[in-house]
PDB file of N, CA and C in Angstrom:
ATOM      1  N   MET A   1       0.785  -1.104   0.083  1.00  0.00           N
ATOM      2  CA  MET A   1      -0.006  -0.018   0.010  1.00  0.00           C
ATOM      3  C   MET A   1       0.900   1.201   0.009  1.00  0.00           C
ATOM      4  N   LYS A   2       2.159   1.104   0.289  1.00  0.00           N
ATOM      5  CA  LYS A   2       3.025   2.302   0.271  1.00  0.00           C
ATOM      6  C   LYS A   2       3.093   3.020  -1.073  1.00  0.00           C
ATOM      7  N   PRO A   3       3.000   2.224  -2.221  1.00  0.00           N
ATOM      8  CA  PRO A   3       3.056   3.001  -3.533  1.00  0.00           C
ATOM      9  C   PRO A   3       1.861   3.835  -3.734  1.00  0.00           C
ATOM     10  N   TRP A   4       0.818   3.488  -3.044  1.00  0.00           N
ATOM     11  CA  TRP A   4      -0.505   4.399  -3.206  1.00  0.00           C
ATOM     12  C   TRP A   4      -0.595   5.426  -2.210  1.00  0.00           C
ATOM     13  N   ARG A   5       0.366   5.416  -1.206  1.00  0.00           N
ATOM     14  CA  ARG A   5       0.268   6.301  -0.078  1.00  0.00           C
ATOM     15  C   ARG A   5      -1.065   6.233   0.771  1.00  0.00           C
ATOM     16  N   VAL A   6      -1.396   5.033   0.954  1.00  0.00           N
ATOM     17  CA  VAL A   6      -2.689   4.693   1.680  1.00  0.00           C
ATOM     18  C   VAL A   6      -2.333   4.690   3.204  1.00  0.00           C
ATOM     19  N   ARG A   7      -3.078   5.492   3.896  1.00  0.00           N
ATOM     20  CA  ARG A   7      -2.829   5.565   5.309  1.00  0.00           C
ATOM     21  C   ARG A   7      -3.343   4.227   6.006  1.00  0.00           C
ATOM     22  N   GLU A   8      -2.815   4.004   7.208  1.00  0.00           N
ATOM     23  CA  GLU A   8      -3.232   2.783   7.837  1.00  0.00           C
ATOM     24  C   GLU A   8      -4.742   2.624   8.071  1.00  0.00           C
ATOM     25  N   GLU A   9      -5.430   3.794   8.437  1.00  0.00           N
ATOM     26  CA  GLU A   9      -6.858   3.643   8.637  1.00  0.00           C
ATOM     27  C   GLU A   9      -7.522   3.295   7.276  1.00  0.00           C
ATOM     28  N   GLU A  10      -7.154   3.881   6.166  1.00  0.00           N
ATOM     29  CA  GLU A  10      -7.680   3.657   4.847  1.00  0.00           C
ATOM     30  C   GLU A  10      -7.427   2.142   4.544  1.00  0.00           C
ATOM     31  N   HIS A  11      -6.282   1.593   4.837  1.00  0.00           N
ATOM     32  CA  HIS A  11      -5.884   0.268   4.588  1.00  0.00           C
ATOM     33  C   HIS A  11      -6.849  -0.639   5.360  1.00  0.00           C
ATOM     34  N   ARG A  12      -7.195  -0.290   6.525  1.00  0.00           N
ATOM     35  CA  ARG A  12      -8.153  -1.056   7.417  1.00  0.00           C
ATOM     36  C   ARG A  12      -9.509  -1.065   6.799  1.00  0.00           C
ATOM     37  N   ILE A  13      -9.994  -0.007   6.278  1.00  0.00           N
ATOM     38  CA  ILE A  13     -11.220   0.115   5.649  1.00  0.00           C
ATOM     39  C   ILE A  13     -11.297  -0.828   4.336  1.00  0.00           C
ATOM     40  N   LEU A  14     -10.226  -0.752   3.552  1.00  0.00           N
ATOM     41  CA  LEU A  14     -10.235  -1.565   2.401  1.00  0.00           C
ATOM     42  C   LEU A  14     -10.404  -3.090   2.783  1.00  0.00           C
ATOM     43  N   LEU A  15      -9.816  -3.457   3.968  1.00  0.00           N
ATOM     44  CA  LEU A  15      -9.911  -4.898   4.429  1.00  0.00           C
ATOM     45  C   LEU A  15     -11.099  -5.154   5.288  1.00  0.00           C
ATOM     46  N   GLY A  16     -12.017  -4.222   5.218  1.00  0.00           N
ATOM     47  CA  GLY A  16     -13.277  -4.549   6.001  1.00  0.00           C
ATOM     48  C   GLY A  16     -13.378  -4.113   7.436  1.00  0.00           C
ATOM     49  N   LYS A  17     -12.522  -3.120   7.828  1.00  0.00           N
ATOM     50  CA  LYS A  17     -12.544  -2.532   9.111  1.00  0.00           C
ATOM     51  C   LYS A  17     -12.194  -3.406  10.279  1.00  0.00           C
ATOM     52  N   PRO A  18     -11.183  -4.267  10.181  1.00  0.00           N
ATOM     53  CA  PRO A  18     -10.839  -5.075  11.363  1.00  0.00           C
ATOM     54  C   PRO A  18     -10.384  -4.120  12.479  1.00  0.00           C
ATOM     55  N   ASP A  19     -10.586  -4.553  13.795  1.00  0.00           N
ATOM     56  CA  ASP A  19     -10.035  -3.780  14.866  1.00  0.00           C
ATOM     57  C   ASP A  19      -8.599  -3.661  14.830  1.00  0.00           C
ATOM     58  N   GLU A  20      -8.040  -2.670  15.505  1.00  0.00           N
ATOM     59  CA  GLU A  20      -6.536  -2.278  15.335  1.00  0.00           C
ATOM     60  C   GLU A  20      -5.703  -3.445  15.770  1.00  0.00           C
ATOM     61  N   PHE A  21      -6.061  -4.076  16.819  1.00  0.00           N
ATOM     62  CA  PHE A  21      -5.212  -5.294  17.232  1.00  0.00           C
ATOM     63  C   PHE A  21      -5.224  -6.441  16.184  1.00  0.00           C
ATOM     64  N   THR A  22      -6.228  -6.720  15.610  1.00  0.00           N
ATOM     65  CA  THR A  22      -6.367  -7.765  14.612  1.00  0.00           C
ATOM     66  C   THR A  22      -5.492  -7.260  13.385  1.00  0.00           C
ATOM     67  N   PHE A  23      -5.663  -6.011  13.012  1.00  0.00           N
ATOM     68  CA  PHE A  23      -4.998  -5.550  11.810  1.00  0.00           C
ATOM     69  C   PHE A  23      -3.470  -5.649  11.997  1.00  0.00           C
ATOM     70  N   LYS A  24      -2.940  -5.229  13.205  1.00  0.00           N
ATOM     71  CA  LYS A  24      -1.591  -5.335  13.498  1.00  0.00           C
ATOM     72  C   LYS A  24      -1.108  -6.711  13.467  1.00  0.00           C
ATOM     73  N   ARG A  25      -1.830  -7.666  13.897  1.00  0.00           N
ATOM     74  CA  ARG A  25      -1.405  -9.060  13.855  1.00  0.00           C
ATOM     75  C   ARG A  25      -1.304  -9.531  12.408  1.00  0.00           C
ATOM     76  N   TRP A  26      -2.261  -9.099  11.569  1.00  0.00           N
ATOM     77  CA  TRP A  26      -2.207  -9.334  10.185  1.00  0.00           C
ATOM     78  C   TRP A  26      -0.947  -8.865   9.510  1.00  0.00           C
ATOM     79  N   LYS A  27      -0.614  -7.681   9.857  1.00  0.00           N
ATOM     80  CA  LYS A  27       0.584  -7.043   9.308  1.00  0.00           C
ATOM     81  C   LYS A  27       1.815  -7.778   9.709  1.00  0.00           C
ATOM     82  N   ARG A  28       1.830  -8.352  10.843  1.00  0.00           N
ATOM     83  CA  ARG A  28       3.023  -9.176  11.327  1.00  0.00           C
ATOM     84  C   ARG A  28       3.010 -10.568  10.682  1.00  0.00           C
ATOM     85  N   GLY A  29       1.871 -10.927   9.952  1.00  0.00           N
ATOM     86  CA  GLY A  29       1.825 -12.208   9.397  1.00  0.00           C
ATOM     87  C   GLY A  29       1.144 -13.292  10.234  1.00  0.00           C
ATOM     88  N   ASN A  30       0.569 -12.841  11.342  1.00  0.00           N
ATOM     89  CA  ASN A  30      -0.071 -13.731  12.261  1.00  0.00           C
ATOM     90  C   ASN A  30      -1.642 -13.707  11.897  1.00  0.00           C
ATOM     91  N   VAL A  31      -1.942 -14.452  10.859  1.00  0.00           N
ATOM     92  CA  VAL A  31      -3.400 -14.618  10.449  1.00  0.00           C
ATOM     93  C   VAL A  31      -3.794 -16.013  10.706  1.00  0.00           C
ATOM     94  N   THR A  32      -4.899 -16.163  11.490  1.00  0.00           N
ATOM     95  CA  THR A  32      -5.339 -17.524  11.798  1.00  0.00           C
ATOM     96  C   THR A  32      -6.545 -17.878  10.971  1.00  0.00           C
ATOM     97  N   ALA A  33      -7.531 -16.942  10.939  1.00  0.00           N
ATOM     98  CA  ALA A  33      -8.733 -17.203   9.999  1.00  0.00           C
ATOM     99  C   ALA A  33      -9.174 -15.825   9.577  1.00  0.00           C
ATOM    100  N   LEU A  34      -9.737 -15.755   8.350  1.00  0.00           N
ATOM    101  CA  LEU A  34     -10.246 -14.493   7.778  1.00  0.00           C
ATOM    102  C   LEU A  34     -11.734 -14.714   7.561  1.00  0.00           C
ATOM    103  N   GLU A  35     -12.536 -13.696   7.751  1.00  0.00           N
ATOM    104  CA  GLU A  35     -13.918 -13.653   7.488  1.00  0.00           C
ATOM    105  C   GLU A  35     -14.156 -13.724   6.015  1.00  0.00           C
ATOM    106  N   CYS A  36     -15.299 -14.212   5.491  1.00  0.00           N
ATOM    107  CA  CYS A  36     -15.561 -14.346   4.101  1.00  0.00           C
ATOM    108  C   CYS A  36     -15.461 -12.964   3.434  1.00  0.00           C
ATOM    109  N   ASP A  37     -15.950 -11.885   4.093  1.00  0.00           N
ATOM    110  CA  ASP A  37     -15.875 -10.501   3.546  1.00  0.00           C
ATOM    111  C   ASP A  37     -14.427 -10.147   3.197  1.00  0.00           C
ATOM    112  N   VAL A  38     -13.595 -10.400   4.111  1.00  0.00           N
ATOM    113  CA  VAL A  38     -12.156 -10.069   3.895  1.00  0.00           C
ATOM    114  C   VAL A  38     -11.497 -10.888   2.763  1.00  0.00           C
ATOM    115  N   LEU A  39     -11.932 -12.205   2.671  1.00  0.00           N
ATOM    116  CA  LEU A  39     -11.309 -13.102   1.553  1.00  0.00           C
ATOM    117  C   LEU A  39     -11.820 -12.622   0.186  1.00  0.00           C
ATOM    118  N   VAL A  40     -13.077 -11.985   0.222  1.00  0.00           N
ATOM    119  CA  VAL A  40     -13.574 -11.397  -1.069  1.00  0.00           C
ATOM    120  C   VAL A  40     -12.873 -10.041  -1.471  1.00  0.00           C
ATOM    121  N   ARG A  41     -12.534  -9.232  -0.454  1.00  0.00           N
ATOM    122  CA  ARG A  41     -11.924  -8.021  -0.636  1.00  0.00           C
ATOM    123  C   ARG A  41     -10.479  -8.050  -1.177  1.00  0.00           C
ATOM    124  N   ILE A  42      -9.735  -9.009  -0.656  1.00  0.00           N
ATOM    125  CA  ILE A  42      -8.320  -9.094  -0.880  1.00  0.00           C
ATOM    126  C   ILE A  42      -8.057  -9.175  -2.463  1.00  0.00           C
ATOM    127  N   PRO A  43      -8.701 -10.142  -3.124  1.00  0.00           N
ATOM    128  CA  PRO A  43      -8.397 -10.216  -4.665  1.00  0.00           C
ATOM    129  C   PRO A  43      -8.827  -8.979  -5.356  1.00  0.00           C
ATOM    130  N   TYR A  44      -9.841  -8.276  -4.905  1.00  0.00           N
ATOM    131  CA  TYR A  44     -10.126  -6.989  -5.509  1.00  0.00           C
ATOM    132  C   TYR A  44      -9.091  -6.000  -5.432  1.00  0.00           C
ATOM    133  N   VAL A  45      -8.519  -5.852  -4.205  1.00  0.00           N
ATOM    134  CA  VAL A  45      -7.403  -4.959  -3.966  1.00  0.00           C
ATOM    135  C   VAL A  45      -6.230  -5.317  -4.764  1.00  0.00           C
ATOM    136  N   ILE A  46      -5.796  -6.641  -4.886  1.00  0.00           N
ATOM    137  CA  ILE A  46      -4.696  -7.037  -5.743  1.00  0.00           C
ATOM    138  C   ILE A  46      -4.983  -6.764  -7.132  1.00  0.00           C
ATOM    139  N   GLY A  47      -6.209  -7.058  -7.617  1.00  0.00           N
ATOM    140  CA  GLY A  47      -6.610  -6.728  -8.988  1.00  0.00           C
ATOM    141  C   GLY A  47      -6.487  -5.270  -9.379  1.00  0.00           C
ATOM    142  N   ILE A  48      -6.817  -4.442  -8.531  1.00  0.00           N
ATOM    143  CA  ILE A  48      -6.727  -2.995  -8.708  1.00  0.00           C
ATOM    144  C   ILE A  48      -5.272  -2.632  -8.834  1.00  0.00           C
ATOM    145  N   TYR A  49      -4.415  -3.098  -7.948  1.00  0.00           N
ATOM    146  CA  TYR A  49      -2.970  -2.817  -7.954  1.00  0.00           C
ATOM    147  C   TYR A  49      -2.284  -3.326  -9.210  1.00  0.00           C
ATOM    148  N   ARG A  50      -2.608  -4.551  -9.654  1.00  0.00           N
ATOM    149  CA  ARG A  50      -2.114  -5.027 -10.854  1.00  0.00           C
ATOM    150  C   ARG A  50      -2.532  -4.277 -12.072  1.00  0.00           C
ATOM    151  N   ASN A  51      -3.800  -3.986 -12.106  1.00  0.00           N
ATOM    152  CA  ASN A  51      -4.336  -3.201 -13.338  1.00  0.00           C
ATOM    153  C   ASN A  51      -3.725  -1.812 -13.384  1.00  0.00           C
ATOM    154  N   LEU A  52      -3.530  -1.156 -12.229  1.00  0.00           N
ATOM    155  CA  LEU A  52      -2.919   0.198 -12.377  1.00  0.00           C
ATOM    156  C   LEU A  52      -1.451   0.017 -12.797  1.00  0.00           C
ATOM    157  N   GLY A  53      -0.781  -0.991 -12.456  1.00  0.00           N
ATOM    158  CA  GLY A  53       0.594  -1.279 -13.027  1.00  0.00           C
ATOM    159  C   GLY A  53       0.589  -1.383 -14.531  1.00  0.00           C
ATOM    160  N   ILE A  54      -0.508  -2.114 -15.075  1.00  0.00           N
ATOM    161  CA  ILE A  54      -0.606  -2.286 -16.478  1.00  0.00           C
ATOM    162  C   ILE A  54      -0.904  -0.889 -17.135  1.00  0.00           C
ATOM    163  N   LEU A  55      -1.819  -0.100 -16.589  1.00  0.00           N
ATOM    164  CA  LEU A  55      -2.160   1.246 -17.102  1.00  0.00           C
ATOM    165  C   LEU A  55      -1.024   2.198 -17.012  1.00  0.00           C
ATOM    166  N   PHE A  56      -0.360   2.158 -15.894  1.00  0.00           N
ATOM    167  CA  PHE A  56       0.745   3.126 -15.645  1.00  0.00           C
ATOM    168  C   PHE A  56       2.039   2.407 -15.385  1.00  0.00           C
ATOM    169  N   SER A  57       2.745   2.046 -16.370  1.00  0.00           N
ATOM    170  CA  SER A  57       3.984   1.300 -16.190  1.00  0.00           C
ATOM    171  C   SER A  57       5.042   1.938 -15.424  1.00  0.00           C
ATOM    172  N   GLU A  58       4.987   3.243 -15.434  1.00  0.00           N
ATOM    173  CA  GLU A  58       5.869   4.069 -14.645  1.00  0.00           C
ATOM    174  C   GLU A  58       5.076   4.980 -13.650  1.00  0.00           C
ATOM    175  N   ARG A  59       5.627   5.203 -12.530  1.00  0.00           N
ATOM    176  CA  ARG A  59       4.887   6.031 -11.518  1.00  0.00           C
ATOM    177  C   ARG A  59       4.616   7.439 -11.957  1.00  0.00           C
ATOM    178  N   ALA A  60       5.524   7.939 -12.782  1.00  0.00           N
ATOM    179  CA  ALA A  60       5.355   9.370 -13.319  1.00  0.00           C
ATOM    180  C   ALA A  60       4.030   9.462 -14.228  1.00  0.00           C
ATOM    181  N   GLN A  61       3.684   8.428 -14.880  1.00  0.00           N
ATOM    182  CA  GLN A  61       2.510   8.475 -15.659  1.00  0.00           C
ATOM    183  C   GLN A  61       1.268   8.606 -14.793  1.00  0.00           C
ATOM    184  N   ALA A  62       1.289   7.834 -13.629  1.00  0.00           N
ATOM    185  CA  ALA A  62       0.086   7.986 -12.671  1.00  0.00           C
ATOM    186  C   ALA A  62      -0.009   9.339 -12.141  1.00  0.00           C
ATOM    187  N   LYS A  63       1.107  10.006 -11.882  1.00  0.00           N
ATOM    188  CA  LYS A  63       1.105  11.338 -11.256  1.00  0.00           C
ATOM    189  C   LYS A  63       0.558  12.355 -12.273  1.00  0.00           C
ATOM    190  N   MET A  64       0.738  12.222 -13.495  1.00  0.00           N
ATOM    191  CA  MET A  64       0.305  13.077 -14.527  1.00  0.00           C
ATOM    192  C   MET A  64      -1.224  13.154 -14.434  1.00  0.00           C
ATOM    193  N   VAL A  65      -1.942  11.950 -14.192  1.00  0.00           N
ATOM    194  CA  VAL A  65      -3.395  11.870 -14.221  1.00  0.00           C
ATOM    195  C   VAL A  65      -4.058  12.658 -13.076  1.00  0.00           C
ATOM    196  N   GLN A  66      -3.335  12.806 -11.986  1.00  0.00           N
ATOM    197  CA  GLN A  66      -3.848  13.412 -10.706  1.00  0.00           C
ATOM    198  C   GLN A  66      -4.170  14.850 -11.137  1.00  0.00           C
TER     199      GLN A  66
END
């Protein structure tokens, strides 16, 4: 999420608003089980990231659109 400059709170929203403790565990790689909603959201976020990379092969191209 760093390339998009997404703040931690926005990151949590994209993942379905887990509580802060759970989110920090996820960031450390300590994931035991995910709710169905989160499992649906993750591929969407990955797809957006991948497609932005296709549209804007260089970061400078994306900045021109802003």
